[in-house]
């Protein structure tokens, strides 16, 4: 790989983000609660699908990080560790914890997800290992890193708690959908998406790279419209759904 691939990859992610935004708004390839009976053709068991499309974030970032740079600063190593720790959970442990017995995931979503995660892992691994401003340990004391770390930690905690709440809804072996309560679900229908957006906003601030910014933009294109559609689904499905909840931004959206 050479430097030319980095900007090309960022452009490709942005283009994929436009297609993702269009597809999500139009609900062209729904999964989870948005699927309807008869939509399981060209699909995979949900746990296998999650493992497949999330896995590139682990290996693409790691391979790029270690093979494209001769030296690695302490800041870069810390960011590497944070990224790998998150995706060890998100890409391996989380899919195995989900109570998705009998659930299916569209193959098209797996293909798009794999492509995005492959490019995103490469782009962020390259950016972190080559950014000149991350070469010195003084970056740890900058407002960008400190504030970014705080926002990312809050986002991760919200996301982790929301995932646990959703998983526990099926702890009795049921496969249907229920209203989640507790944590950030007090305020929004998509607490897990809210946490994820905060997490990657924090990452973008901590790393202060174009790859981090592009990741946030893609996440917004993917998660915000899905949160709005899911919020509408909850309200249409459950007559007793809490009326004060918003879709993804507390008190606003």
Protein backbone atom coordinates (compact mmCIF):
# COMPACT_ATOMS: atom_id res chain seq x y z
CA UNK A 1 0.00 0.00 0.00
CA UNK A 2 1.14 3.55 -0.57
CA UNK A 3 -0.02 7.02 0.31
CA UNK A 4 -2.29 7.24 -2.75
CA UNK A 5 -4.65 4.63 -1.31
CA UNK A 6 -5.47 6.73 1.77
CA UNK A 7 -7.34 9.60 0.07
CA UNK A 8 -8.89 7.17 -2.41
CA UNK A 9 -10.24 5.10 0.48
CA UNK A 10 -11.67 8.16 2.23
CA UNK A 11 -13.49 9.17 -0.95
CA UNK A 12 -14.78 5.61 -1.37
CA UNK A 13 -16.14 5.62 2.19
CA UNK A 14 -17.92 8.92 1.58
CA UNK A 15 -19.47 7.56 -1.63
CA UNK A 16 -20.55 4.40 0.20
CA UNK A 17 -22.00 6.65 2.89
CA UNK A 18 -24.20 8.39 0.32
CA UNK A 19 -25.53 5.02 -0.91
CA UNK A 20 -26.01 3.92 2.71
CA UNK A 21 -27.96 7.08 3.55
CA UNK A 22 -30.22 6.59 0.52
CA UNK A 23 -30.74 2.90 1.23
CA UNK A 24 -31.47 3.45 4.91
CA UNK A 25 -33.91 6.31 4.33
CA UNK A 26 -35.73 4.20 1.73
CA UNK A 27 -35.43 1.09 3.95
CA UNK A 28 -34.22 -0.89 0.92
CA UNK A 29 -32.48 -3.65 2.87
CA UNK A 30 -34.06 -3.78 6.32
CA UNK A 31 -32.85 -6.00 9.13
CA UNK A 32 -33.89 -6.70 12.70
CA UNK A 33 -37.21 -5.26 13.78
CA UNK A 34 -37.70 -3.58 10.42
CA UNK A 35 -37.81 -6.86 8.50
CA UNK A 36 -41.17 -8.26 7.44
CA UNK A 37 -42.15 -11.93 6.94
CA UNK A 38 -40.81 -13.35 3.70
CA UNK A 39 -37.67 -11.19 3.67
CA UNK A 40 -35.29 -13.96 4.75
CA UNK A 41 -34.19 -14.95 1.23
CA UNK A 42 -30.55 -14.12 0.57
CA UNK A 43 -29.79 -13.87 4.24
CA UNK A 44 -27.46 -15.42 6.82
CA UNK A 45 -27.96 -16.38 10.46
CA UNK A 46 -27.55 -13.17 12.42
CA UNK A 47 -24.55 -14.21 14.61
CA UNK A 48 -22.54 -15.37 11.57
CA UNK A 49 -23.42 -12.19 9.68
CA UNK A 50 -22.28 -9.97 12.55
CA UNK A 51 -18.99 -11.85 12.89
CA UNK A 52 -18.35 -11.59 9.15
CA UNK A 53 -18.97 -7.92 8.56
CA UNK A 54 -17.45 -6.59 11.79
CA UNK A 55 -14.22 -8.64 11.59
CA UNK A 56 -12.31 -6.36 9.13
CA UNK A 57 -12.21 -3.57 11.70
CA UNK A 58 -9.87 -5.74 13.77
CA UNK A 59 -7.51 -7.11 11.15
CA UNK A 60 -7.55 -4.23 8.62
CA UNK A 61 -6.63 -1.68 11.28
CA UNK A 62 -3.95 -3.93 12.82
CA UNK A 63 -2.31 -5.01 9.56
CA UNK A 64 -2.23 -1.44 8.26
CA UNK A 65 -0.98 -0.02 11.54
CA UNK A 66 1.96 -2.43 11.85
CA UNK A 67 2.97 -2.88 8.21
CA UNK A 68 2.75 0.62 6.73
CA UNK A 69 4.74 2.56 9.36
CA UNK A 70 8.31 1.94 10.56
CA UNK A 71 7.84 3.45 14.03
CA UNK A 72 4.89 4.00 16.33
CA UNK A 73 4.54 6.73 18.91
CA UNK A 74 3.09 6.18 22.37
CA UNK A 75 -0.03 8.11 21.34
CA UNK A 76 -0.49 5.91 18.27
CA UNK A 77 -0.05 2.77 20.37
CA UNK A 78 -2.67 3.94 22.87
CA UNK A 79 -5.13 4.68 20.06
CA UNK A 80 -4.34 1.28 18.53
CA UNK A 81 -5.10 -0.40 21.84
CA UNK A 82 -8.39 1.46 22.31
CA UNK A 83 -9.54 0.58 18.78
CA UNK A 84 -8.63 -3.09 19.12
CA UNK A 85 -10.22 -3.39 22.56
CA UNK A 86 -13.50 -1.95 21.29
CA UNK A 87 -13.67 -4.18 18.22
CA UNK A 88 -12.61 -7.26 20.14
CA UNK A 89 -15.85 -6.74 22.02
CA UNK A 90 -17.93 -5.42 19.14
CA UNK A 91 -16.70 -7.78 16.46
CA UNK A 92 -16.32 -11.00 18.45
CA UNK A 93 -17.87 -11.02 21.93
CA UNK A 94 -21.00 -8.97 21.19
CA UNK A 95 -22.27 -11.13 18.27
CA UNK A 96 -21.86 -14.23 20.42
CA UNK A 97 -23.77 -12.64 23.32
CA UNK A 98 -26.77 -11.59 21.25
CA UNK A 99 -29.89 -13.71 21.70
CA UNK A 100 -30.59 -13.95 17.99
CA UNK A 101 -31.90 -17.49 17.71
CA UNK A 102 -33.72 -17.79 14.41
CA UNK A 103 -32.89 -14.23 13.31
CA UNK A 104 -31.54 -13.60 9.81
CA UNK A 105 -29.43 -10.79 8.33
CA UNK A 106 -29.51 -9.74 4.63
CA UNK A 107 -26.46 -10.80 2.61
CA UNK A 108 -26.40 -7.38 0.91
CA UNK A 109 -25.95 -5.70 4.28
CA UNK A 110 -23.11 -8.09 5.11
CA UNK A 111 -21.36 -7.27 1.82
CA UNK A 112 -21.72 -3.51 2.30
CA UNK A 113 -20.77 -3.78 5.97
CA UNK A 114 -17.67 -5.84 5.19
CA UNK A 115 -16.57 -3.40 2.49
CA UNK A 116 -17.04 -0.39 4.74
CA UNK A 117 -15.30 -1.97 7.73
CA UNK A 118 -12.38 -3.09 5.56
CA UNK A 119 -11.88 0.42 4.17
CA UNK A 120 -12.53 2.12 7.48
CA UNK A 121 -10.12 -0.12 9.37
CA UNK A 122 -7.42 0.56 6.78
CA UNK A 123 -8.05 4.33 6.71
CA UNK A 124 -7.99 4.79 10.48
CA UNK A 125 -5.05 2.44 10.95
CA UNK A 126 -3.09 4.38 8.35
CA UNK A 127 -4.09 7.77 9.72
CA UNK A 128 -3.17 6.97 13.33
CA UNK A 129 0.20 5.43 12.42
CA UNK A 130 1.23 8.28 10.08
CA UNK A 131 -0.23 11.48 11.58
CA UNK A 132 2.60 13.86 12.44
CA UNK A 133 0.67 15.52 15.29
CA UNK A 134 0.38 12.14 17.05
CA UNK A 135 4.13 11.57 17.07
CA UNK A 136 4.77 13.29 20.41
CA UNK A 137 3.42 12.36 23.85
CA UNK A 138 2.39 16.00 24.41
CA UNK A 139 -0.74 15.19 22.37
CA UNK A 140 -2.11 13.45 25.49
CA UNK A 141 -2.39 16.86 27.20
CA UNK A 142 -4.20 18.64 24.37
CA UNK A 143 -7.88 19.59 24.76
CA UNK A 144 -8.63 17.51 21.65
CA UNK A 145 -7.38 14.29 23.21
CA UNK A 146 -8.74 14.94 26.70
CA UNK A 147 -12.21 16.00 25.54
CA UNK A 148 -12.29 13.29 22.87
CA UNK A 149 -11.41 10.60 25.40
CA UNK A 150 -14.14 11.82 27.77
CA UNK A 151 -16.78 11.87 25.02
CA UNK A 152 -15.68 8.45 23.72
CA UNK A 153 -15.85 6.96 27.21
CA UNK A 154 -19.37 8.32 27.80
CA UNK A 155 -20.42 7.02 24.39
CA UNK A 156 -18.94 3.58 25.02
CA UNK A 157 -20.68 3.31 28.40
CA UNK A 158 -24.04 4.33 26.90
CA UNK A 159 -23.57 1.88 24.02
CA UNK A 160 -22.46 -0.99 26.27
CA UNK A 161 -25.34 -0.47 28.70
CA UNK A 162 -27.87 -0.19 25.87
CA UNK A 163 -26.59 -3.41 24.29
CA UNK A 164 -26.94 -5.21 27.62
CA UNK A 165 -30.50 -3.93 28.06
CA UNK A 166 -31.47 -5.13 24.58
CA UNK A 167 -29.79 -8.52 25.09
CA UNK A 168 -31.53 -9.00 28.45
CA UNK A 169 -34.94 -8.42 26.86
CA UNK A 170 -34.59 -11.96 25.48
CA UNK A 171 -32.96 -13.54 28.53
CA UNK A 172 -36.13 -15.61 29.02
CA UNK A 173 -35.62 -17.28 25.63
CA UNK A 174 -38.22 -15.20 23.79
CA UNK A 175 -37.54 -14.04 20.23
CA UNK A 176 -40.03 -11.19 19.88
CA UNK A 177 -39.47 -7.47 20.38
CA UNK A 178 -40.19 -5.56 23.57
CA UNK A 179 -39.90 -1.99 24.79
CA UNK A 180 -36.45 -1.36 26.30
CA UNK A 181 -36.27 0.59 29.56
CA UNK A 182 -33.44 2.06 31.59
CA UNK A 183 -30.20 3.85 30.80
CA UNK A 184 -30.35 6.25 27.88
CA UNK A 185 -33.53 4.49 26.71
CA UNK A 186 -35.28 6.84 29.14
CA UNK A 187 -34.67 9.58 26.61
CA UNK A 188 -34.27 7.99 23.15
CA UNK A 189 -35.41 4.91 21.27
CA UNK A 190 -31.94 4.25 19.82
CA UNK A 191 -29.73 4.52 22.90
CA UNK A 192 -27.22 2.11 21.36
CA UNK A 193 -26.86 4.32 18.28
CA UNK A 194 -26.54 7.46 20.41
CA UNK A 195 -23.69 5.83 22.32
CA UNK A 196 -21.98 4.73 19.12
CA UNK A 197 -22.15 8.22 17.60
CA UNK A 198 -20.66 9.75 20.76
CA UNK A 199 -17.95 7.09 20.80
CA UNK A 200 -16.78 7.82 17.27
CA UNK A 201 -17.10 11.57 17.70
CA UNK A 202 -14.74 11.18 20.64
CA UNK A 203 -12.41 9.06 18.52
CA UNK A 204 -12.36 11.72 15.80
CA UNK A 205 -11.35 14.33 18.37
CA UNK A 206 -8.73 12.10 19.99
CA UNK A 207 -7.06 11.27 16.70
CA UNK A 208 -7.87 14.53 14.86
CA UNK A 209 -7.54 12.84 11.45
CA UNK A 210 -9.59 12.97 8.25
CA UNK A 211 -10.27 9.25 8.63
CA UNK A 212 -11.84 9.86 12.04
CA UNK A 213 -14.04 12.63 10.64
CA UNK A 214 -15.13 10.51 7.68
CA UNK A 215 -16.02 7.69 10.08
CA UNK A 216 -18.31 10.04 12.03
CA UNK A 217 -19.97 11.28 8.83
CA UNK A 218 -20.60 7.71 7.66
CA UNK A 219 -21.98 6.76 11.09
CA UNK A 220 -24.39 9.71 10.98
CA UNK A 221 -25.57 8.70 7.50
CA UNK A 222 -26.12 5.13 8.64
CA UNK A 223 -27.48 5.44 12.18
CA UNK A 224 -29.58 8.62 12.29
CA UNK A 225 -32.14 7.61 9.63
CA UNK A 226 -32.32 4.07 11.02
CA UNK A 227 -32.93 5.49 14.51
CA UNK A 228 -35.78 7.63 13.19
CA UNK A 229 -37.35 4.69 11.34
CA UNK A 230 -36.97 2.44 14.42
CA UNK A 231 -38.52 5.14 16.62
CA UNK A 232 -41.51 5.32 14.29
CA UNK A 233 -41.77 1.50 14.35
CA UNK A 234 -41.82 1.42 18.16
CA UNK A 235 -44.60 4.01 18.29
CA UNK A 236 -46.69 2.18 15.71
CA UNK A 237 -46.14 -1.23 17.31
CA UNK A 238 -46.61 -0.49 21.01
CA UNK A 239 -49.64 1.51 22.15
CA UNK A 240 -47.99 2.14 25.52
CA UNK A 241 -44.69 3.34 24.11
CA UNK A 242 -43.29 6.24 26.23
CA UNK A 243 -44.42 9.43 24.40
CA UNK A 244 -41.61 11.56 25.81
CA UNK A 245 -38.85 9.59 24.06
CA UNK A 246 -37.09 11.01 21.03
CA UNK A 247 -35.42 8.96 18.29
CA UNK A 248 -31.69 9.52 18.91
CA UNK A 249 -30.98 13.00 20.34
CA UNK A 250 -32.48 13.52 23.83
CA UNK A 251 -35.22 16.20 23.90
CA UNK A 252 -34.57 17.20 20.26
CA UNK A 253 -34.75 14.46 17.58
